[in-house]
Amino acid sequence: MSRFNQLVAGGILLFLSGLLYTLERIALYIRWYAEISTGSWLEKPSFVDPFLQNWFVTLFLFAAIPFFLAAMNVTQKISPSENPTDS
């Protein structure tokens, strides 16, 4: 897997993690505003932690880290036959 592909895979996983987190927060606030718009609610609304409730957010976040670490490895070993600058 090339360095570019690792960066793209890590970026996509990080983006998906952030997107799922944001969508869950939006849904939570919409529900809370719908409850308080009536003027009364039975209990104080509980804000759940998406990292503990939705394992996909955590999975995508932690799956992105190895891709970024592998892509940012500046000491990649390139054989002399693959080096285009050698004459």
N, C-alpha and C. Protein backbone atom coordinates (compact mmCIF):
# COMPACT_ATOMS: atom_id res chain seq x y z
N MET A 1 0.86 -1.17 0.00
CA MET A 1 0.00 0.00 0.00
C MET A 1 0.90 1.24 0.00
N SER A 2 0.66 2.14 -0.91
CA SER A 2 1.52 3.31 -1.03
C SER A 2 1.21 4.33 0.07
N ARG A 3 2.12 5.26 0.21
CA ARG A 3 1.97 6.29 1.25
C ARG A 3 0.71 7.12 1.00
N PHE A 4 0.46 7.46 -0.25
CA PHE A 4 -0.73 8.23 -0.59
C PHE A 4 -2.01 7.47 -0.23
N ASN A 5 -2.05 6.18 -0.54
CA ASN A 5 -3.24 5.37 -0.21
C ASN A 5 -3.45 5.28 1.29
N GLN A 6 -2.36 5.20 2.05
CA GLN A 6 -2.49 5.16 3.50
C GLN A 6 -3.03 6.49 4.04
N LEU A 7 -2.55 7.59 3.48
CA LEU A 7 -3.07 8.90 3.90
C LEU A 7 -4.55 9.05 3.55
N VAL A 8 -4.93 8.60 2.38
CA VAL A 8 -6.34 8.68 1.97
C VAL A 8 -7.21 7.80 2.87
N ALA A 9 -6.77 6.58 3.13
CA ALA A 9 -7.55 5.67 3.99
C ALA A 9 -7.67 6.24 5.40
N GLY A 10 -6.58 6.76 5.94
CA GLY A 10 -6.64 7.38 7.26
C GLY A 10 -7.54 8.59 7.28
N GLY A 11 -7.48 9.41 6.24
CA GLY A 11 -8.33 10.59 6.17
C GLY A 11 -9.80 10.24 6.06
N ILE A 12 -10.10 9.23 5.27
CA ILE A 12 -11.50 8.80 5.13
C ILE A 12 -12.03 8.26 6.45
N LEU A 13 -11.25 7.44 7.13
CA LEU A 13 -11.69 6.90 8.42
C LEU A 13 -11.86 8.00 9.46
N LEU A 14 -10.95 8.95 9.48
CA LEU A 14 -11.06 10.07 10.41
C LEU A 14 -12.29 10.92 10.09
N PHE A 15 -12.54 11.15 8.81
CA PHE A 15 -13.72 11.91 8.39
C PHE A 15 -15.00 11.18 8.79
N LEU A 16 -15.07 9.87 8.58
CA LEU A 16 -16.27 9.11 8.94
C LEU A 16 -16.51 9.14 10.44
N SER A 17 -15.43 9.05 11.22
CA SER A 17 -15.56 9.11 12.66
C SER A 17 -16.14 10.46 13.09
N GLY A 18 -15.60 11.53 12.55
CA GLY A 18 -16.11 12.86 12.88
C GLY A 18 -17.53 13.08 12.40
N LEU A 19 -17.85 12.56 11.22
CA LEU A 19 -19.20 12.71 10.68
C LEU A 19 -20.23 11.99 11.55
N LEU A 20 -19.94 10.76 11.95
CA LEU A 20 -20.86 10.02 12.80
C LEU A 20 -21.04 10.71 14.15
N TYR A 21 -19.94 11.21 14.72
CA TYR A 21 -20.01 11.91 15.99
C TYR A 21 -20.89 13.16 15.87
N THR A 22 -20.69 13.92 14.80
CA THR A 22 -21.46 15.14 14.59
C THR A 22 -22.93 14.84 14.36
N LEU A 23 -23.24 13.83 13.56
CA LEU A 23 -24.64 13.49 13.31
C LEU A 23 -25.34 13.03 14.59
N GLU A 24 -24.64 12.30 15.44
CA GLU A 24 -25.25 11.86 16.70
C GLU A 24 -25.50 13.04 17.62
N ARG A 25 -24.58 14.00 17.65
CA ARG A 25 -24.78 15.18 18.48
C ARG A 25 -25.96 16.02 17.96
N ILE A 26 -26.07 16.15 16.65
CA ILE A 26 -27.18 16.91 16.06
C ILE A 26 -28.51 16.24 16.41
N ALA A 27 -28.59 14.93 16.26
CA ALA A 27 -29.82 14.20 16.59
C ALA A 27 -30.16 14.35 18.07
N LEU A 28 -29.15 14.34 18.92
CA LEU A 28 -29.38 14.48 20.36
C LEU A 28 -29.92 15.86 20.70
N TYR A 29 -29.35 16.89 20.10
CA TYR A 29 -29.84 18.24 20.38
C TYR A 29 -31.22 18.48 19.79
N ILE A 30 -31.52 17.93 18.64
CA ILE A 30 -32.87 18.07 18.07
C ILE A 30 -33.89 17.42 18.99
N ARG A 31 -33.56 16.26 19.51
CA ARG A 31 -34.48 15.59 20.44
C ARG A 31 -34.67 16.41 21.71
N TRP A 32 -33.57 16.96 22.22
CA TRP A 32 -33.65 17.75 23.45
C TRP A 32 -34.48 19.02 23.22
N TYR A 33 -34.26 19.71 22.10
CA TYR A 33 -35.06 20.90 21.80
C TYR A 33 -36.52 20.56 21.59
N ALA A 34 -36.81 19.41 21.02
CA ALA A 34 -38.20 18.99 20.85
C ALA A 34 -38.86 18.74 22.20
N GLU A 35 -38.10 18.22 23.15
CA GLU A 35 -38.65 17.98 24.49
C GLU A 35 -38.90 19.28 25.23
N ILE A 36 -37.99 20.24 25.14
CA ILE A 36 -38.18 21.47 25.91
C ILE A 36 -39.11 22.46 25.23
N SER A 37 -39.43 22.24 23.97
CA SER A 37 -40.33 23.18 23.28
C SER A 37 -41.75 23.12 23.84
N THR A 38 -42.09 22.02 24.51
CA THR A 38 -43.42 21.91 25.11
C THR A 38 -43.50 22.70 26.41
N GLY A 39 -42.38 23.12 26.94
CA GLY A 39 -42.38 23.90 28.18
C GLY A 39 -42.13 23.05 29.41
N SER A 40 -42.21 21.75 29.28
CA SER A 40 -41.94 20.89 30.43
C SER A 40 -41.41 19.55 29.94
N TRP A 41 -40.56 18.99 30.73
CA TRP A 41 -40.06 17.65 30.45
C TRP A 41 -39.92 16.92 31.76
N LEU A 42 -39.97 15.63 31.70
CA LEU A 42 -40.02 14.83 32.92
C LEU A 42 -38.71 14.83 33.68
N GLU A 43 -37.64 14.82 33.01
CA GLU A 43 -36.34 14.76 33.68
C GLU A 43 -35.33 15.57 32.89
N LYS A 44 -34.22 15.82 33.53
CA LYS A 44 -33.15 16.53 32.84
C LYS A 44 -32.62 15.63 31.73
N PRO A 45 -32.49 16.16 30.52
CA PRO A 45 -32.03 15.31 29.41
C PRO A 45 -30.61 14.81 29.64
N SER A 46 -30.41 13.58 29.31
CA SER A 46 -29.08 12.99 29.48
C SER A 46 -28.36 12.97 28.15
N PHE A 47 -27.17 13.50 28.15
CA PHE A 47 -26.35 13.51 26.95
C PHE A 47 -25.41 12.32 27.02
N VAL A 48 -25.60 11.38 26.12
CA VAL A 48 -24.79 10.17 26.13
C VAL A 48 -23.47 10.43 25.41
N ASP A 49 -22.49 9.66 25.76
CA ASP A 49 -21.18 9.78 25.13
C ASP A 49 -21.16 8.90 23.89
N PRO A 50 -21.02 9.49 22.70
CA PRO A 50 -21.04 8.68 21.47
C PRO A 50 -19.87 7.69 21.38
N PHE A 51 -18.77 7.99 22.07
CA PHE A 51 -17.64 7.07 22.01
C PHE A 51 -17.95 5.76 22.72
N LEU A 52 -18.83 5.81 23.71
CA LEU A 52 -19.19 4.59 24.43
C LEU A 52 -20.44 3.92 23.85
N GLN A 53 -21.33 4.71 23.26
CA GLN A 53 -22.58 4.17 22.75
C GLN A 53 -22.46 3.64 21.33
N ASN A 54 -21.72 4.33 20.49
CA ASN A 54 -21.57 3.92 19.09
C ASN A 54 -20.12 3.49 18.87
N TRP A 55 -19.91 2.21 18.72
CA TRP A 55 -18.55 1.68 18.58
C TRP A 55 -17.93 2.00 17.23
N PHE A 56 -18.73 2.39 16.24
CA PHE A 56 -18.18 2.73 14.94
C PHE A 56 -17.36 4.02 15.00
N VAL A 57 -17.79 4.97 15.83
CA VAL A 57 -17.02 6.21 15.98
C VAL A 57 -15.63 5.89 16.52
N THR A 58 -15.58 5.10 17.57
CA THR A 58 -14.30 4.73 18.17
C THR A 58 -13.49 3.85 17.23
N LEU A 59 -14.14 2.92 16.56
CA LEU A 59 -13.44 2.02 15.64
C LEU A 59 -12.79 2.80 14.50
N PHE A 60 -13.54 3.70 13.87
CA PHE A 60 -12.99 4.48 12.76
C PHE A 60 -11.87 5.40 13.23
N LEU A 61 -12.03 5.97 14.42
CA LEU A 61 -11.00 6.87 14.94
C LEU A 61 -9.70 6.12 15.20
N PHE A 62 -9.79 4.98 15.86
CA PHE A 62 -8.57 4.23 16.18
C PHE A 62 -8.03 3.46 14.97
N ALA A 63 -8.85 3.20 13.97
CA ALA A 63 -8.35 2.57 12.75
C ALA A 63 -7.59 3.58 11.89
N ALA A 64 -7.92 4.85 12.01
CA ALA A 64 -7.23 5.89 11.23
C ALA A 64 -5.81 6.12 11.73
N ILE A 65 -5.58 5.93 13.01
CA ILE A 65 -4.26 6.23 13.59
C ILE A 65 -3.15 5.39 12.98
N PRO A 66 -3.28 4.06 12.86
CA PRO A 66 -2.18 3.30 12.24
C PRO A 66 -1.91 3.68 10.78
N PHE A 67 -2.97 4.04 10.05
CA PHE A 67 -2.76 4.47 8.66
C PHE A 67 -1.93 5.75 8.61
N PHE A 68 -2.25 6.71 9.48
CA PHE A 68 -1.48 7.95 9.49
C PHE A 68 -0.05 7.71 9.96
N LEU A 69 0.12 6.86 10.96
CA LEU A 69 1.48 6.58 11.44
C LEU A 69 2.31 5.89 10.37
N ALA A 70 1.72 4.96 9.65
CA ALA A 70 2.46 4.27 8.59
C ALA A 70 2.76 5.21 7.43
N ALA A 71 1.83 6.10 7.12
CA ALA A 71 2.04 7.02 6.00
C ALA A 71 3.06 8.10 6.35
N MET A 72 3.14 8.47 7.60
CA MET A 72 4.06 9.53 8.01
C MET A 72 5.45 9.00 8.34
N ASN A 73 5.64 7.71 8.20
CA ASN A 73 6.95 7.13 8.47
C ASN A 73 7.93 7.63 7.41
N VAL A 74 8.84 8.48 7.82
CA VAL A 74 9.76 9.10 6.86
C VAL A 74 10.96 8.22 6.56
N THR A 75 11.13 7.17 7.30
CA THR A 75 12.28 6.29 7.06
C THR A 75 11.84 5.03 6.34
N GLN A 76 11.02 5.19 5.32
CA GLN A 76 10.59 4.04 4.55
C GLN A 76 11.78 3.49 3.79
N LYS A 77 11.86 2.19 3.75
CA LYS A 77 12.98 1.54 3.07
C LYS A 77 12.65 1.38 1.60
N ILE A 78 13.50 1.95 0.77
CA ILE A 78 13.34 1.85 -0.68
C ILE A 78 14.58 1.16 -1.21
N SER A 79 14.37 0.13 -1.97
CA SER A 79 15.52 -0.56 -2.53
C SER A 79 16.17 0.31 -3.61
N PRO A 80 17.47 0.17 -3.83
CA PRO A 80 18.14 1.00 -4.83
C PRO A 80 17.56 0.85 -6.23
N SER A 81 17.01 -0.30 -6.55
CA SER A 81 16.45 -0.48 -7.89
C SER A 81 15.16 0.31 -8.08
N GLU A 82 14.48 0.65 -6.97
CA GLU A 82 13.24 1.40 -7.05
C GLU A 82 13.47 2.91 -7.00
N ASN A 83 14.68 3.33 -6.67
CA ASN A 83 14.97 4.74 -6.52
C ASN A 83 15.18 5.38 -7.90
N PRO A 84 14.31 6.29 -8.30
CA PRO A 84 14.42 6.85 -9.65
C PRO A 84 15.57 7.84 -9.81
N THR A 85 16.17 8.29 -8.72
CA THR A 85 17.25 9.28 -8.84
C THR A 85 18.60 8.64 -9.11
N ASP A 86 18.72 7.34 -8.90
CA ASP A 86 19.99 6.67 -9.18
C ASP A 86 20.19 6.52 -10.69
N SER A 87 21.43 6.73 -11.13
CA SER A 87 21.73 6.57 -12.56
C SER A 87 22.50 5.31 -12.79
